[in-house]
């Protein structure tokens, strides 16, 4: 799943919930479906938000390490067995 997919799914859930309420009116079933879609959309955003709020520091640290490793000069020397 790409990074923006959670946000797109949340938007679709919100729009779908609003559409259900518009189509069915203020019935209890419509309200339950609306709230269920809203909760489902936010659950889909759980991991992207967790990354954004808490996990970015280790990811940034790992990126810096890989950046430093990519600039290392490497020399390969072959030796004949004795």
Protein backbone atom coordinates (compact mmCIF):
# COMPACT_ATOMS: atom_id res chain seq x y z
CA UNK A 1 0.00 0.00 0.00
CA UNK A 2 1.33 3.44 -0.89
CA UNK A 3 1.57 6.27 1.61
CA UNK A 4 -1.40 8.25 0.26
CA UNK A 5 -3.74 5.27 -0.01
CA UNK A 6 -4.90 5.55 3.61
CA UNK A 7 -5.87 9.18 3.11
CA UNK A 8 -7.72 8.34 -0.12
CA UNK A 9 -9.55 5.51 1.66
CA UNK A 10 -10.47 7.83 4.54
CA UNK A 11 -11.85 10.35 2.06
CA UNK A 12 -13.86 7.64 0.32
CA UNK A 13 -15.27 6.44 3.65
CA UNK A 14 -16.28 9.95 4.68
CA UNK A 15 -17.87 10.63 1.27
CA UNK A 16 -19.61 7.26 1.30
CA UNK A 17 -20.98 7.85 4.77
CA UNK A 18 -22.30 11.27 3.81
CA UNK A 19 -23.84 9.82 0.67
CA UNK A 20 -25.64 7.14 2.69
CA UNK A 21 -27.07 9.74 5.08
CA UNK A 22 -28.19 11.92 2.16
CA UNK A 23 -29.82 8.96 0.42
CA UNK A 24 -31.42 7.26 3.44
CA UNK A 25 -32.08 10.27 5.63
CA UNK A 26 -31.59 10.39 9.39
CA UNK A 27 -32.53 6.78 10.05
CA UNK A 28 -30.68 4.79 12.71
CA UNK A 29 -29.32 2.38 10.08
CA UNK A 30 -27.95 5.28 8.03
CA UNK A 31 -26.32 6.77 11.12
CA UNK A 32 -24.78 3.40 12.04
CA UNK A 33 -23.41 2.90 8.51
CA UNK A 34 -22.09 6.48 8.46
CA UNK A 35 -20.27 6.05 11.77
CA UNK A 36 -18.97 2.59 10.79
CA UNK A 37 -17.47 3.96 7.59
CA UNK A 38 -15.95 6.87 9.49
CA UNK A 39 -14.35 4.56 12.07
CA UNK A 40 -13.13 2.21 9.32
CA UNK A 41 -11.52 5.11 7.48
CA UNK A 42 -9.67 6.25 10.59
CA UNK A 43 -8.56 2.69 11.35
CA UNK A 44 -7.04 2.59 7.85
CA UNK A 45 -5.09 5.73 8.80
CA UNK A 46 -3.72 4.13 11.99
CA UNK A 47 -0.35 2.95 10.62
CA UNK A 48 0.35 6.04 8.45
CA UNK A 49 -0.36 8.28 11.45
CA UNK A 50 1.79 6.09 13.72
CA UNK A 51 4.67 6.43 11.27
CA UNK A 52 4.15 10.19 11.01
CA UNK A 53 3.90 10.76 14.76
CA UNK A 54 6.29 8.23 16.30
CA UNK A 55 8.35 6.20 13.83
CA UNK A 56 9.90 8.95 11.71
CA UNK A 57 13.00 9.37 13.87
CA UNK A 58 14.35 5.80 13.41
CA UNK A 59 13.43 5.96 9.71
CA UNK A 60 15.37 9.22 9.35
CA UNK A 61 18.32 7.73 11.23
CA UNK A 62 18.32 4.69 8.96
CA UNK A 63 18.13 6.93 5.89
CA UNK A 64 21.16 8.88 7.06
CA UNK A 65 23.08 5.64 7.64
CA UNK A 66 22.25 4.39 4.14
CA UNK A 67 23.23 7.76 2.70
CA UNK A 68 26.64 7.56 4.41
CA UNK A 69 27.10 3.96 3.29
CA UNK A 70 26.31 4.91 -0.30
CA UNK A 71 29.27 7.33 -0.33
CA UNK A 72 31.85 4.89 1.02
CA UNK A 73 34.75 4.19 -1.31
CA UNK A 74 35.14 0.45 -1.84
CA UNK A 75 38.21 -1.31 -3.21
CA UNK A 76 38.13 -5.02 -4.01
CA UNK A 77 41.45 -6.87 -4.00
CA UNK A 78 41.71 -10.44 -5.26
CA UNK A 79 44.47 -12.61 -3.88
CA UNK A 80 45.59 -15.93 -5.25
CA UNK A 81 45.47 -18.85 -2.84
CA UNK A 82 48.89 -19.81 -1.50
